[in-house]
Each structure stands twice: as C-alpha cells, then as structure tokens.
C-alpha cells in the first residue's frame, strides 16, 4: 500500500511545522519546566505538545490510524496504518541547550514501515525514506558510506538511561570497538545517529535498550540508503528487539563480530 504525493507533502509540512514549534520553545526554554520519567529520563511540555501536534495532524491525513508514541503510548487504529512517533528524540540535549535533537516519525502499513522521516530541528535537515524508493536529505539522494572496515570507521553509539543497565558487557563492547575504530561518538539522539549513518556521516551505529519510536524511521532510512540493519544476533528483530547494529553491508560482519563476542 502506497500513500500518495499529496499525503507525503502534508506529512512533511506537519513535521516542519512541529519542528518550528520546537525551535521557538528552545529559544526561551527553562530547565525548571522539566519532568522526570525516570532517574535520567527527562520529559517536558515541549515533548508533550509536539506529540499532540503530530498526532492530531497524522489523524487528519489518515483518519483512523493507530499509533505507538513515546509519551502517549499505543493507540489502536481502525485501519491498517500505524504511526510510530518520537516528538523530541534527544530531550536531554534540548533541555541543556545542546542543538542535537530531532523529530522521528514512521508510518507503517500492516506493520511494515513504508515511510520514515527524521527531522534535525536545529539544522533544518529533513531525512526521508519511502519503502523501495530510496533515502533523501532535503530532497537529495543519500547513501551509506563505503567504509571498508572498522579501522577506518567513525562510529556512533548510545547508553541506557538506567544506570543499572550500563553493565560490564556494554563497557566491554565499547572498549573493544574503541580499540579498532578511528573514533566513536555519543551524541544523544538515536534517530539522528541512524540518519547520519544513512547519509554517510557516521560509518556505523550500534546501541541496545532502544524503543520503537527511537529507531523506526532510522531503520528504513539506513536500509533505503543501502545499509544493513540487524539486531545483535544478526537477525531482523530490530524494531522491537531493543538492539541495533547498522552500517554498510561490507563492514557489518566485522561490527557484529565484535558485539557477538560479548552478547550471546
């Protein structure tokens, strides 16, 4: 099932308008307006209002759709369409005034992702992919890097909010990858990390303890840009499996090999 060009234009406009709201709020945002979902997991009225704006807009474009949302949870639909939304991926960065946060929006039909958008709010960069039609940055085609091996790679990763999950296994993987790659970055927005793999800025990305809204759009972006995305076992349980290893197909076995040395 495809959505038409008019609907795609409406979706892009909705994301851009929501991004403009986030930009306006960033200019005068006070950390006093932050709530805590967990010890290190922040949320603000900006997240909630952005999600409300996206939800209402998506329902106008495709009435009866279902949702998986970071703040509002799951909403069953009356048709085969389902949106997966993170209204502000990188809330901690946003709260601290670090301009590395994004909107992540994916659209599924019968549980297959057919559209993915990641919008870099601070840089006004809109990454978009349609199933079978490639990946684009502000309308220009993008492709994963052709990095041949880990030794030449600039990698990205992230760490769980819950400090108890930052266990010795994760630190061991990080140590081994650090020994092999050119450099590693931890920027704090999984959606942008994957978008940057899709356009070749990062050569690869891995992370665990992820949620569907963090990565749904990014998975399609990387795949449509010629990359390979798996869970840590090398399988396809990426959206709900909470693990991601993403890079070009040439380098993927090496990345997976380092990870699998620690994750059985």
Protein backbone atom coordinates (compact mmCIF):
# COMPACT_ATOMS: atom_id res chain seq x y z
CA UNK A 1 0.00 0.00 0.00
CA UNK A 2 1.36 3.39 -1.00
CA UNK A 3 0.39 6.82 0.18
CA UNK A 4 0.03 9.48 -2.45
CA UNK A 5 2.19 12.51 -3.17
CA UNK A 6 -0.28 14.91 -1.58
CA UNK A 7 -0.27 12.94 1.66
CA UNK A 8 3.53 12.83 1.70
CA UNK A 9 3.64 16.60 1.22
CA UNK A 10 1.19 17.02 4.10
CA UNK A 11 3.29 14.77 6.36
CA UNK A 12 6.47 16.71 5.58
CA UNK A 13 4.71 20.00 6.25
CA UNK A 14 3.38 18.69 9.55
CA UNK A 15 6.88 17.67 10.65
CA UNK A 16 8.33 21.03 9.60
CA UNK A 17 5.63 22.95 11.47
CA UNK A 18 6.20 20.86 14.60
CA UNK A 19 9.92 21.50 14.25
CA UNK A 20 9.26 25.23 14.10
CA UNK A 21 7.29 24.97 17.36
CA UNK A 22 10.25 23.17 19.00
CA UNK A 23 12.68 25.82 17.71
CA UNK A 24 10.56 28.63 19.15
CA UNK A 25 10.35 26.95 22.53
CA UNK A 26 14.09 26.21 22.58
CA UNK A 27 14.85 29.93 22.46
CA UNK A 28 13.35 30.58 25.88
CA UNK A 29 13.27 27.16 27.47
CA UNK A 30 13.90 26.88 31.21
CA UNK A 31 15.17 23.65 32.80
CA UNK A 32 12.67 24.29 35.60
CA UNK A 33 9.95 23.14 33.19
CA UNK A 34 11.32 19.59 33.05
CA UNK A 35 9.70 16.48 34.50
CA UNK A 36 11.40 13.15 35.17
CA UNK A 37 10.05 9.85 33.85
CA UNK A 38 12.99 8.08 35.49
CA UNK A 39 16.27 8.86 37.18
CA UNK A 40 17.87 10.11 33.95
CA UNK A 41 14.86 10.12 31.60
CA UNK A 42 13.50 13.63 31.07
CA UNK A 43 10.30 14.96 29.51
CA UNK A 44 8.97 18.49 29.06
CA UNK A 45 5.83 20.23 27.88
CA UNK A 46 7.64 20.64 24.55
CA UNK A 47 7.72 16.85 24.05
CA UNK A 48 4.06 16.54 25.02
CA UNK A 49 2.79 19.43 22.90
CA UNK A 50 4.87 18.37 19.90
CA UNK A 51 3.47 14.85 20.16
CA UNK A 52 -0.08 16.22 20.39
CA UNK A 53 0.50 18.34 17.28
CA UNK A 54 1.90 15.37 15.37
CA UNK A 55 -0.88 13.03 16.49
CA UNK A 56 -3.65 15.41 15.50
CA UNK A 57 -2.00 16.13 12.16
CA UNK A 58 -1.46 12.46 11.35
CA UNK A 59 -5.10 11.69 12.13
CA UNK A 60 -6.17 14.46 9.78
CA UNK A 61 -4.03 12.99 6.99
CA UNK A 62 -5.01 9.35 7.63
CA UNK A 63 -8.15 9.19 9.81
CA UNK A 64 -8.46 6.05 11.90
CA UNK A 65 -4.73 5.35 12.07
CA UNK A 66 -3.11 3.70 15.06
CA UNK A 67 -0.10 5.00 17.00
CA UNK A 68 2.93 3.97 19.00
CA UNK A 69 4.16 7.14 20.75
CA UNK A 70 6.85 7.85 23.30
CA UNK A 71 4.69 9.99 25.57
CA UNK A 72 1.14 8.96 24.72
CA UNK A 73 1.67 5.23 24.41
CA UNK A 74 -0.14 2.95 21.99
CA UNK A 75 -3.44 3.80 20.33
CA UNK A 76 -5.25 1.15 18.31
CA UNK A 77 -6.50 2.21 14.91
CA UNK A 78 -9.43 1.19 12.73
CA UNK A 79 -7.37 0.75 9.55
CA UNK A 80 -4.03 -0.95 8.69
CA UNK A 81 -1.96 2.26 9.12
CA UNK A 82 0.11 2.91 12.23
CA UNK A 83 2.36 5.84 13.10
CA UNK A 84 5.43 5.46 15.33
CA UNK A 85 6.41 8.82 16.80
CA UNK A 86 9.15 10.31 18.92
CA UNK A 87 8.28 14.02 19.10
CA UNK A 88 11.66 15.07 20.52
CA UNK A 89 14.42 12.49 20.36
CA UNK A 90 17.27 13.92 22.41
CA UNK A 91 15.27 15.63 25.16
CA UNK A 92 18.28 15.78 27.48
CA UNK A 93 20.23 17.65 24.80
CA UNK A 94 17.27 20.00 24.27
CA UNK A 95 16.97 20.74 27.99
CA UNK A 96 20.68 21.60 28.21
CA UNK A 97 20.67 23.73 25.08
CA UNK A 98 22.69 21.25 23.02
CA UNK A 99 21.42 21.50 19.39
CA UNK A 100 21.29 17.75 18.73
CA UNK A 101 17.67 16.60 18.80
CA UNK A 102 15.12 15.51 16.26
CA UNK A 103 11.60 14.50 15.38
CA UNK A 104 11.26 10.87 14.36
CA UNK A 105 8.12 9.79 12.53
CA UNK A 106 7.48 6.47 10.79
CA UNK A 107 4.37 5.22 9.04
CA UNK A 108 3.53 1.53 8.81
CA UNK A 109 1.00 -0.35 6.70
CA UNK A 110 0.07 -3.76 8.10
CA UNK A 111 3.12 -3.47 10.41
CA UNK A 112 5.58 -2.86 7.56
CA UNK A 113 7.31 0.53 7.65
CA UNK A 114 6.61 2.36 4.40
CA UNK A 115 7.73 5.88 5.29
CA UNK A 116 10.34 7.26 7.64
CA UNK A 117 11.20 10.87 8.46
CA UNK A 118 13.87 12.20 10.83
CA UNK A 119 13.96 15.97 11.13
CA UNK A 120 17.05 17.63 12.57
CA UNK A 121 15.33 20.63 14.11
CA UNK A 122 18.39 22.77 14.83
CA UNK A 123 19.96 22.29 11.36
CA UNK A 124 16.70 22.26 9.37
CA UNK A 125 17.66 18.94 7.76
CA UNK A 126 14.84 16.62 6.79
CA UNK A 127 15.78 13.00 6.14
CA UNK A 128 13.09 10.93 4.41
CA UNK A 129 12.80 7.42 3.03
CA UNK A 130 9.99 5.56 1.31
CA UNK A 131 9.97 1.79 1.07
CA UNK A 132 11.56 0.81 -2.23
CA UNK A 133 12.19 4.41 -3.31
CA UNK A 134 15.47 5.37 -1.65
CA UNK A 135 16.51 7.81 1.04
CA UNK A 136 16.88 11.58 0.80
CA UNK A 137 18.19 14.60 2.70
CA UNK A 138 16.30 17.80 1.89
CA UNK A 139 15.29 16.18 -1.40
CA UNK A 140 18.75 14.97 -2.50
CA UNK A 141 19.57 11.23 -2.59
CA UNK A 142 21.79 9.87 0.17
CA UNK A 143 23.76 6.66 0.61
CA UNK A 144 25.64 4.94 3.41
CA UNK A 145 29.42 5.27 3.41
CA UNK A 146 31.66 2.80 1.61
CA UNK A 147 33.98 2.48 4.62
CA UNK A 148 35.75 -0.88 4.14
CA UNK A 149 36.47 -1.85 7.74
CA UNK A 150 36.26 -0.85 11.39
CA UNK A 151 39.78 0.54 11.32
CA UNK A 152 38.66 3.41 9.11
CA UNK A 153 35.27 3.91 10.74
CA UNK A 154 33.70 6.78 12.65
CA UNK A 155 31.13 5.01 14.82
CA UNK A 156 28.18 6.19 16.90
CA UNK A 157 26.57 4.63 19.95
CA UNK A 158 24.48 5.45 22.99
CA UNK A 159 23.91 4.25 26.54
CA UNK A 160 20.77 3.31 28.52
CA UNK A 161 19.08 5.86 30.77
CA UNK A 162 19.02 3.35 33.60
CA UNK A 163 22.50 3.25 35.10
CA UNK A 164 21.94 -0.32 36.25
CA UNK A 165 21.76 -1.30 32.56
CA UNK A 166 25.20 0.21 31.88
CA UNK A 167 26.76 -3.09 32.80
CA UNK A 168 30.14 -4.61 32.22
CA UNK A 169 29.03 -6.21 28.96
CA UNK A 170 28.25 -2.82 27.37
CA UNK A 171 31.52 -1.41 28.64
CA UNK A 172 33.40 -4.40 27.27
CA UNK A 173 31.84 -3.94 23.82
CA UNK A 174 32.67 -0.23 23.92
CA UNK A 175 36.27 -0.97 24.89
CA UNK A 176 36.75 -3.49 22.08
CA UNK A 177 35.22 -1.20 19.46
CA UNK A 178 37.32 1.72 20.67
CA UNK A 179 40.43 -0.37 20.13
CA UNK A 180 39.52 -0.95 16.48
CA UNK A 181 37.74 2.10 15.08
CA UNK A 182 39.07 5.51 14.08
CA UNK A 183 36.79 7.22 16.61
CA UNK A 184 33.44 6.87 18.34
CA UNK A 185 30.76 9.46 19.14
CA UNK A 186 27.84 9.56 21.56
CA UNK A 187 25.57 12.43 20.54
CA UNK A 188 22.31 11.55 22.31
CA UNK A 189 19.71 11.16 19.55
CA UNK A 190 19.35 7.63 18.19
CA UNK A 191 17.15 8.86 15.33
CA UNK A 192 19.82 11.32 14.20
CA UNK A 193 22.58 8.74 14.67
CA UNK A 194 20.82 6.48 12.19
CA UNK A 195 20.04 9.33 9.81
CA UNK A 196 23.74 10.21 9.82
CA UNK A 197 24.63 6.60 9.03
CA UNK A 198 22.19 6.80 6.13
CA UNK A 199 23.93 9.85 4.68
CA UNK A 200 27.47 8.59 5.37
CA UNK A 201 28.49 10.99 8.13
CA UNK A 202 28.77 8.07 10.53
CA UNK A 203 30.07 4.78 9.16
CA UNK A 204 28.12 2.72 11.67
CA UNK A 205 25.98 2.74 14.77
CA UNK A 206 25.12 0.26 17.49
CA UNK A 207 23.05 0.51 20.65
CA UNK A 208 20.88 -1.54 22.98
CA UNK A 209 17.89 -0.85 25.27
CA UNK A 210 16.12 1.04 22.49
CA UNK A 211 12.42 1.67 21.91
CA UNK A 212 10.49 1.50 18.61
CA UNK A 213 9.98 5.27 18.47
CA UNK A 214 13.75 5.84 18.72
CA UNK A 215 14.58 3.85 15.61
CA UNK A 216 11.55 3.08 13.40
CA UNK A 217 12.23 5.87 10.91
CA UNK A 218 16.00 5.42 11.13
CA UNK A 219 15.85 1.73 10.23
CA UNK A 220 14.08 2.50 6.96
CA UNK A 221 16.46 5.39 6.24
CA UNK A 222 19.55 3.21 6.58
CA UNK A 223 18.08 0.33 4.60
CA UNK A 224 16.87 2.57 1.77
CA UNK A 225 20.31 4.25 1.73
CA UNK A 226 21.92 0.89 1.01
CA UNK A 227 22.85 -0.10 4.56
CA UNK A 228 22.23 -3.18 6.61
CA UNK A 229 20.38 -3.13 9.94
CA UNK A 230 20.12 -6.12 12.28
CA UNK A 231 19.79 -6.97 15.94
CA UNK A 232 22.87 -8.21 17.79
CA UNK A 233 22.20 -11.81 16.70
CA UNK A 234 22.27 -10.74 13.07
CA UNK A 235 18.51 -11.21 12.81
CA UNK A 236 15.67 -8.95 11.75
CA UNK A 237 14.08 -8.29 15.16
CA UNK A 238 15.16 -4.67 15.04
CA UNK A 239 12.04 -2.64 15.74
CA UNK A 240 11.01 -4.34 18.98
CA UNK A 241 14.18 -6.26 19.81
CA UNK A 242 15.80 -3.25 21.51
CA UNK A 243 19.14 -3.81 19.74
CA UNK A 244 20.54 -2.18 16.61
CA UNK A 245 23.69 -2.72 14.57
CA UNK A 246 23.64 -0.53 11.44
CA UNK A 247 26.28 0.18 8.80
CA UNK A 248 27.14 -0.66 5.22
CA UNK A 249 26.92 -4.34 4.22
CA UNK A 250 30.68 -4.58 3.73
CA UNK A 251 31.51 -3.58 7.29
CA UNK A 252 28.53 -5.15 9.04
CA UNK A 253 30.07 -8.61 9.71
CA UNK A 254 33.04 -7.00 11.47
CA UNK A 255 30.82 -4.82 13.67
CA UNK A 256 28.59 -7.75 14.51
CA UNK A 257 31.60 -9.91 15.31
CA UNK A 258 32.82 -7.52 17.99
CA UNK A 259 29.35 -7.26 19.52
CA UNK A 260 28.69 -11.00 19.44
CA UNK A 261 31.91 -11.70 21.29
CA UNK A 262 30.09 -10.30 24.32
CA UNK A 263 26.38 -10.79 23.55
CA UNK A 264 25.36 -14.41 23.08
